[in-house]
Amino acid sequence: MELSAVLTPAPEGGYIAYNPETGTTTQGETVEEALSNLQEATELYLEEFPLSYRGPSLLTTFRIPNHA
């Protein structure tokens, strides 16, 4: 099963990893560690709460006006 991962820099260093299909979130010092932790957390989540797979999430962007 292919799922999505969104990684953002953590304020204290490292990365926060989020899976939008399940809502699982974790962190790691490197991208690889964050992804590995997210995979493990998501597998554990899916053991308890099976997912009716609908395909990967669509990631896009949007803009808001800058207010100075």
PDB file of N, CA and C in Angstrom:
ATOM      1  N   MET A   1       0.856  -1.169   0.000  1.00  0.00           N
ATOM      2  CA  MET A   1       0.000   0.000   0.000  1.00  0.00           C
ATOM      3  C   MET A   1       0.904   1.234   0.000  1.00  0.00           C
ATOM      4  N   GLU A   2       0.648   2.142  -0.896  1.00  0.00           N
ATOM      5  CA  GLU A   2       1.417   3.373  -0.961  1.00  0.00           C
ATOM      6  C   GLU A   2       0.635   4.491  -0.292  1.00  0.00           C
ATOM      7  N   LEU A   3       1.245   5.120   0.705  1.00  0.00           N
ATOM      8  CA  LEU A   3       0.622   6.211   1.437  1.00  0.00           C
ATOM      9  C   LEU A   3       1.462   7.471   1.295  1.00  0.00           C
ATOM     10  N   SER A   4       0.914   8.590   1.704  1.00  0.00           N
ATOM     11  CA  SER A   4       1.583   9.883   1.575  1.00  0.00           C
ATOM     12  C   SER A   4       2.305  10.255   2.862  1.00  0.00           C
ATOM     13  N   ALA A   5       3.360  11.036   2.730  1.00  0.00           N
ATOM     14  CA  ALA A   5       4.079  11.587   3.872  1.00  0.00           C
ATOM     15  C   ALA A   5       4.358  13.059   3.612  1.00  0.00           C
ATOM     16  N   VAL A   6       4.067  13.887   4.605  1.00  0.00           N
ATOM     17  CA  VAL A   6       4.376  15.309   4.536  1.00  0.00           C
ATOM     18  C   VAL A   6       5.392  15.577   5.632  1.00  0.00           C
ATOM     19  N   LEU A   7       6.552  16.093   5.259  1.00  0.00           N
ATOM     20  CA  LEU A   7       7.599  16.391   6.227  1.00  0.00           C
ATOM     21  C   LEU A   7       7.817  17.890   6.301  1.00  0.00           C
ATOM     22  N   THR A   8       7.917  18.389   7.519  1.00  0.00           N
ATOM     23  CA  THR A   8       8.197  19.805   7.734  1.00  0.00           C
ATOM     24  C   THR A   8       9.313  19.920   8.762  1.00  0.00           C
ATOM     25  N   PRO A   9      10.146  20.945   8.647  1.00  0.00           N
ATOM     26  CA  PRO A   9      11.187  21.141   9.656  1.00  0.00           C
ATOM     27  C   PRO A   9      10.555  21.396  11.030  1.00  0.00           C
ATOM     28  N   ALA A  10      11.100  20.759  12.054  1.00  0.00           N
ATOM     29  CA  ALA A  10      10.619  20.962  13.423  1.00  0.00           C
ATOM     30  C   ALA A  10      11.332  22.169  14.028  1.00  0.00           C
ATOM     31  N   PRO A  11      10.639  22.970  14.831  1.00  0.00           N
ATOM     32  CA  PRO A  11      11.268  24.156  15.426  1.00  0.00           C
ATOM     33  C   PRO A  11      12.514  23.827  16.253  1.00  0.00           C
ATOM     34  N   GLU A  12      12.517  22.666  16.916  1.00  0.00           N
ATOM     35  CA  GLU A  12      13.654  22.280  17.757  1.00  0.00           C
ATOM     36  C   GLU A  12      14.727  21.524  16.989  1.00  0.00           C
ATOM     37  N   GLY A  13      14.547  21.360  15.682  1.00  0.00           N
ATOM     38  CA  GLY A  13      15.481  20.622  14.839  1.00  0.00           C
ATOM     39  C   GLY A  13      14.870  19.314  14.393  1.00  0.00           C
ATOM     40  N   GLY A  14      15.392  18.746  13.352  1.00  0.00           N
ATOM     41  CA  GLY A  14      14.841  17.519  12.798  1.00  0.00           C
ATOM     42  C   GLY A  14      13.599  17.797  11.968  1.00  0.00           C
ATOM     43  N   TYR A  15      12.749  16.767  11.842  1.00  0.00           N
ATOM     44  CA  TYR A  15      11.567  16.869  10.979  1.00  0.00           C
ATOM     45  C   TYR A  15      10.346  16.267  11.658  1.00  0.00           C
ATOM     46  N   ILE A  16       9.203  16.847  11.355  1.00  0.00           N
ATOM     47  CA  ILE A  16       7.908  16.292  11.744  1.00  0.00           C
ATOM     48  C   ILE A  16       7.353  15.606  10.511  1.00  0.00           C
ATOM     49  N   ALA A  17       6.891  14.373  10.670  1.00  0.00           N
ATOM     50  CA  ALA A  17       6.348  13.601   9.548  1.00  0.00           C
ATOM     51  C   ALA A  17       4.877  13.319   9.813  1.00  0.00           C
ATOM     52  N   TYR A  18       4.043  13.531   8.812  1.00  0.00           N
ATOM     53  CA  TYR A  18       2.592  13.396   8.930  1.00  0.00           C
ATOM     54  C   TYR A  18       2.057  12.569   7.775  1.00  0.00           C
ATOM     55  N   ASN A  19       1.177  11.630   8.093  1.00  0.00           N
ATOM     56  CA  ASN A  19       0.502  10.844   7.061  1.00  0.00           C
ATOM     57  C   ASN A  19      -0.954  11.291   6.997  1.00  0.00           C
ATOM     58  N   PRO A  20      -1.377  11.975   5.918  1.00  0.00           N
ATOM     59  CA  PRO A  20      -2.730  12.508   5.844  1.00  0.00           C
ATOM     60  C   PRO A  20      -3.829  11.447   5.752  1.00  0.00           C
ATOM     61  N   GLU A  21      -3.524  10.283   5.233  1.00  0.00           N
ATOM     62  CA  GLU A  21      -4.560   9.255   5.099  1.00  0.00           C
ATOM     63  C   GLU A  21      -5.007   8.709   6.462  1.00  0.00           C
ATOM     64  N   THR A  22      -4.085   8.649   7.423  1.00  0.00           N
ATOM     65  CA  THR A  22      -4.418   8.087   8.730  1.00  0.00           C
ATOM     66  C   THR A  22      -4.365   9.113   9.855  1.00  0.00           C
ATOM     67  N   GLY A  23      -3.673  10.211   9.626  1.00  0.00           N
ATOM     68  CA  GLY A  23      -3.503  11.215  10.671  1.00  0.00           C
ATOM     69  C   GLY A  23      -2.326  10.934  11.583  1.00  0.00           C
ATOM     70  N   THR A  24      -1.554   9.869  11.322  1.00  0.00           N
ATOM     71  CA  THR A  24      -0.412   9.585  12.167  1.00  0.00           C
ATOM     72  C   THR A  24       0.674  10.642  11.976  1.00  0.00           C
ATOM     73  N   THR A  25       1.310  10.982  13.086  1.00  0.00           N
ATOM     74  CA  THR A  25       2.354  12.006  13.087  1.00  0.00           C
ATOM     75  C   THR A  25       3.487  11.528  13.972  1.00  0.00           C
ATOM     76  N   THR A  26       4.711  11.806  13.566  1.00  0.00           N
ATOM     77  CA  THR A  26       5.883  11.456  14.353  1.00  0.00           C
ATOM     78  C   THR A  26       7.003  12.405  13.977  1.00  0.00           C
ATOM     79  N   GLN A  27       8.192  12.140  14.456  1.00  0.00           N
ATOM     80  CA  GLN A  27       9.323  13.015  14.139  1.00  0.00           C
ATOM     81  C   GLN A  27      10.608  12.219  14.075  1.00  0.00           C
ATOM     82  N   GLY A  28      11.663  12.859  13.597  1.00  0.00           N
ATOM     83  CA  GLY A  28      12.978  12.241  13.527  1.00  0.00           C
ATOM     84  C   GLY A  28      14.027  13.300  13.295  1.00  0.00           C
ATOM     85  N   GLU A  29      15.267  12.962  13.609  1.00  0.00           N
ATOM     86  CA  GLU A  29      16.373  13.908  13.442  1.00  0.00           C
ATOM     87  C   GLU A  29      16.718  14.125  11.969  1.00  0.00           C
ATOM     88  N   THR A  30      16.489  13.119  11.125  1.00  0.00           N
ATOM     89  CA  THR A  30      16.768  13.219   9.693  1.00  0.00           C
ATOM     90  C   THR A  30      15.492  12.869   8.928  1.00  0.00           C
ATOM     91  N   VAL A  31      15.496  13.160   7.632  1.00  0.00           N
ATOM     92  CA  VAL A  31      14.352  12.789   6.792  1.00  0.00           C
ATOM     93  C   VAL A  31      14.156  11.284   6.832  1.00  0.00           C
ATOM     94  N   GLU A  32      15.240  10.538   6.718  1.00  0.00           N
ATOM     95  CA  GLU A  32      15.145   9.078   6.711  1.00  0.00           C
ATOM     96  C   GLU A  32      14.578   8.545   8.017  1.00  0.00           C
ATOM     97  N   GLU A  33      15.032   9.095   9.149  1.00  0.00           N
ATOM     98  CA  GLU A  33      14.535   8.654  10.449  1.00  0.00           C
ATOM     99  C   GLU A  33      13.066   9.021  10.628  1.00  0.00           C
ATOM    100  N   ALA A  34      12.692  10.221  10.209  1.00  0.00           N
ATOM    101  CA  ALA A  34      11.295  10.647  10.324  1.00  0.00           C
ATOM    102  C   ALA A  34      10.389   9.743   9.491  1.00  0.00           C
ATOM    103  N   LEU A  35      10.814   9.404   8.272  1.00  0.00           N
ATOM    104  CA  LEU A  35      10.022   8.517   7.418  1.00  0.00           C
ATOM    105  C   LEU A  35       9.932   7.107   8.002  1.00  0.00           C
ATOM    106  N   SER A  36      11.028   6.611   8.540  1.00  0.00           N
ATOM    107  CA  SER A  36      11.037   5.287   9.151  1.00  0.00           C
ATOM    108  C   SER A  36      10.104   5.256  10.358  1.00  0.00           C
ATOM    109  N   ASN A  37      10.157   6.293  11.184  1.00  0.00           N
ATOM    110  CA  ASN A  37       9.270   6.378  12.345  1.00  0.00           C
ATOM    111  C   ASN A  37       7.808   6.485  11.920  1.00  0.00           C
ATOM    112  N   LEU A  38       7.560   7.231  10.844  1.00  0.00           N
ATOM    113  CA  LEU A  38       6.191   7.373  10.346  1.00  0.00           C
ATOM    114  C   LEU A  38       5.669   6.050   9.808  1.00  0.00           C
ATOM    115  N   GLN A  39       6.511   5.319   9.108  1.00  0.00           N
ATOM    116  CA  GLN A  39       6.105   4.012   8.589  1.00  0.00           C
ATOM    117  C   GLN A  39       5.718   3.090   9.743  1.00  0.00           C
ATOM    118  N   GLU A  40       6.550   3.044  10.779  1.00  0.00           N
ATOM    119  CA  GLU A  40       6.265   2.191  11.930  1.00  0.00           C
ATOM    120  C   GLU A  40       4.980   2.616  12.641  1.00  0.00           C
ATOM    121  N   ALA A  41       4.827   3.913  12.874  1.00  0.00           N
ATOM    122  CA  ALA A  41       3.630   4.415  13.556  1.00  0.00           C
ATOM    123  C   ALA A  41       2.371   4.130  12.742  1.00  0.00           C
ATOM    124  N   THR A  42       2.462   4.279  11.434  1.00  0.00           N
ATOM    125  CA  THR A  42       1.306   4.055  10.568  1.00  0.00           C
ATOM    126  C   THR A  42       0.947   2.575  10.514  1.00  0.00           C
ATOM    127  N   GLU A  43       1.953   1.707  10.455  1.00  0.00           N
ATOM    128  CA  GLU A  43       1.677   0.259  10.481  1.00  0.00           C
ATOM    129  C   GLU A  43       0.954  -0.129  11.768  1.00  0.00           C
ATOM    130  N   LEU A  44       1.410   0.393  12.905  1.00  0.00           N
ATOM    131  CA  LEU A  44       0.760   0.093  14.185  1.00  0.00           C
ATOM    132  C   LEU A  44      -0.672   0.636  14.209  1.00  0.00           C
ATOM    133  N   TYR A  45      -0.860   1.839  13.686  1.00  0.00           N
ATOM    134  CA  TYR A  45      -2.203   2.428  13.616  1.00  0.00           C
ATOM    135  C   TYR A  45      -3.125   1.552  12.784  1.00  0.00           C
ATOM    136  N   LEU A  46      -2.639   1.099  11.631  1.00  0.00           N
ATOM    137  CA  LEU A  46      -3.483   0.316  10.721  1.00  0.00           C
ATOM    138  C   LEU A  46      -3.815  -1.071  11.275  1.00  0.00           C
ATOM    139  N   GLU A  47      -3.001  -1.590  12.195  1.00  0.00           N
ATOM    140  CA  GLU A  47      -3.346  -2.852  12.855  1.00  0.00           C
ATOM    141  C   GLU A  47      -4.624  -2.698  13.684  1.00  0.00           C
ATOM    142  N   GLU A  48      -4.802  -1.545  14.290  1.00  0.00           N
ATOM    143  CA  GLU A  48      -5.981  -1.271  15.124  1.00  0.00           C
ATOM    144  C   GLU A  48      -7.157  -0.706  14.319  1.00  0.00           C
ATOM    145  N   PHE A  49      -6.837   0.109  13.325  1.00  0.00           N
ATOM    146  CA  PHE A  49      -7.859   0.822  12.557  1.00  0.00           C
ATOM    147  C   PHE A  49      -7.612   0.618  11.066  1.00  0.00           C
ATOM    148  N   PRO A  50      -8.052  -0.518  10.511  1.00  0.00           N
ATOM    149  CA  PRO A  50      -7.835  -0.781   9.083  1.00  0.00           C
ATOM    150  C   PRO A  50      -8.389   0.352   8.221  1.00  0.00           C
ATOM    151  N   LEU A  51      -7.689   0.625   7.153  1.00  0.00           N
ATOM    152  CA  LEU A  51      -8.037   1.725   6.261  1.00  0.00           C
ATOM    153  C   LEU A  51      -8.687   1.189   4.999  1.00  0.00           C
ATOM    154  N   SER A  52      -9.797   1.760   4.645  1.00  0.00           N
ATOM    155  CA  SER A  52     -10.400   1.476   3.352  1.00  0.00           C
ATOM    156  C   SER A  52      -9.627   2.332   2.345  1.00  0.00           C
ATOM    157  N   TYR A  53      -8.685   1.731   1.644  1.00  0.00           N
ATOM    158  CA  TYR A  53      -7.758   2.478   0.802  1.00  0.00           C
ATOM    159  C   TYR A  53      -8.470   3.173  -0.349  1.00  0.00           C
ATOM    160  N   ARG A  54      -8.231   4.474  -0.460  1.00  0.00           N
ATOM    161  CA  ARG A  54      -8.841   5.287  -1.516  1.00  0.00           C
ATOM    162  C   ARG A  54      -7.798   5.864  -2.459  1.00  0.00           C
ATOM    163  N   GLY A  55      -6.555   5.490  -2.300  1.00  0.00           N
ATOM    164  CA  GLY A  55      -5.489   6.045  -3.118  1.00  0.00           C
ATOM    165  C   GLY A  55      -4.745   7.126  -2.365  1.00  0.00           C
ATOM    166  N   PRO A  56      -3.578   7.518  -2.860  1.00  0.00           N
ATOM    167  CA  PRO A  56      -2.780   8.520  -2.162  1.00  0.00           C
ATOM    168  C   PRO A  56      -3.451   9.888  -2.172  1.00  0.00           C
ATOM    169  N   SER A  57      -3.137  10.665  -1.163  1.00  0.00           N
ATOM    170  CA  SER A  57      -3.655  12.030  -1.082  1.00  0.00           C
ATOM    171  C   SER A  57      -3.063  12.875  -2.200  1.00  0.00           C
ATOM    172  N   LEU A  58      -3.743  13.934  -2.550  1.00  0.00           N
ATOM    173  CA  LEU A  58      -3.260  14.891  -3.535  1.00  0.00           C
ATOM    174  C   LEU A  58      -2.635  16.055  -2.776  1.00  0.00           C
ATOM    175  N   LEU A  59      -1.384  16.322  -3.047  1.00  0.00           N
ATOM    176  CA  LEU A  59      -0.697  17.439  -2.412  1.00  0.00           C
ATOM    177  C   LEU A  59      -0.639  18.595  -3.391  1.00  0.00           C
ATOM    178  N   THR A  60      -1.090  19.750  -2.940  1.00  0.00           N
ATOM    179  CA  THR A  60      -1.063  20.941  -3.779  1.00  0.00           C
ATOM    180  C   THR A  60      -0.715  22.140  -2.891  1.00  0.00           C
ATOM    181  N   THR A  61      -0.643  23.294  -3.460  1.00  0.00           N
ATOM    182  CA  THR A  61      -0.344  24.510  -2.696  1.00  0.00           C
ATOM    183  C   THR A  61      -1.404  25.559  -2.997  1.00  0.00           C
ATOM    184  N   PHE A  62      -1.449  26.558  -2.157  1.00  0.00           N
ATOM    185  CA  PHE A  62      -2.308  27.718  -2.399  1.00  0.00           C
ATOM    186  C   PHE A  62      -1.617  28.944  -1.826  1.00  0.00           C
ATOM    187  N   ARG A  63      -2.040  30.111  -2.259  1.00  0.00           N
ATOM    188  CA  ARG A  63      -1.407  31.347  -1.821  1.00  0.00           C
ATOM    189  C   ARG A  63      -2.398  32.196  -1.020  1.00  0.00           C
ATOM    190  N   ILE A  64      -1.848  32.919  -0.073  1.00  0.00           N
ATOM    191  CA  ILE A  64      -2.631  33.925   0.623  1.00  0.00           C
ATOM    192  C   ILE A  64      -1.877  35.242   0.483  1.00  0.00           C
ATOM    193  N   PRO A  65      -2.559  36.370   0.507  1.00  0.00           N
ATOM    194  CA  PRO A  65      -1.873  37.643   0.335  1.00  0.00           C
ATOM    195  C   PRO A  65      -0.956  37.947   1.528  1.00  0.00           C
ATOM    196  N   ASN A  66       0.168  38.570   1.228  1.00  0.00           N
ATOM    197  CA  ASN A  66       1.074  39.023   2.279  1.00  0.00           C
ATOM    198  C   ASN A  66       0.529  40.319   2.874  1.00  0.00           C
ATOM    199  N   HIS A  67       0.498  40.387   4.171  1.00  0.00           N
ATOM    200  CA  HIS A  67       0.056  41.616   4.850  1.00  0.00           C
ATOM    201  C   HIS A  67       1.232  42.157   5.629  1.00  0.00           C
ATOM    202  N   ALA A  68       1.731  43.312   5.199  1.00  0.00           N
ATOM    203  CA  ALA A  68       2.919  43.883   5.844  1.00  0.00           C
ATOM    204  C   ALA A  68       2.561  44.713   7.048  1.00  0.00           C
TER     205      ALA A  68
END
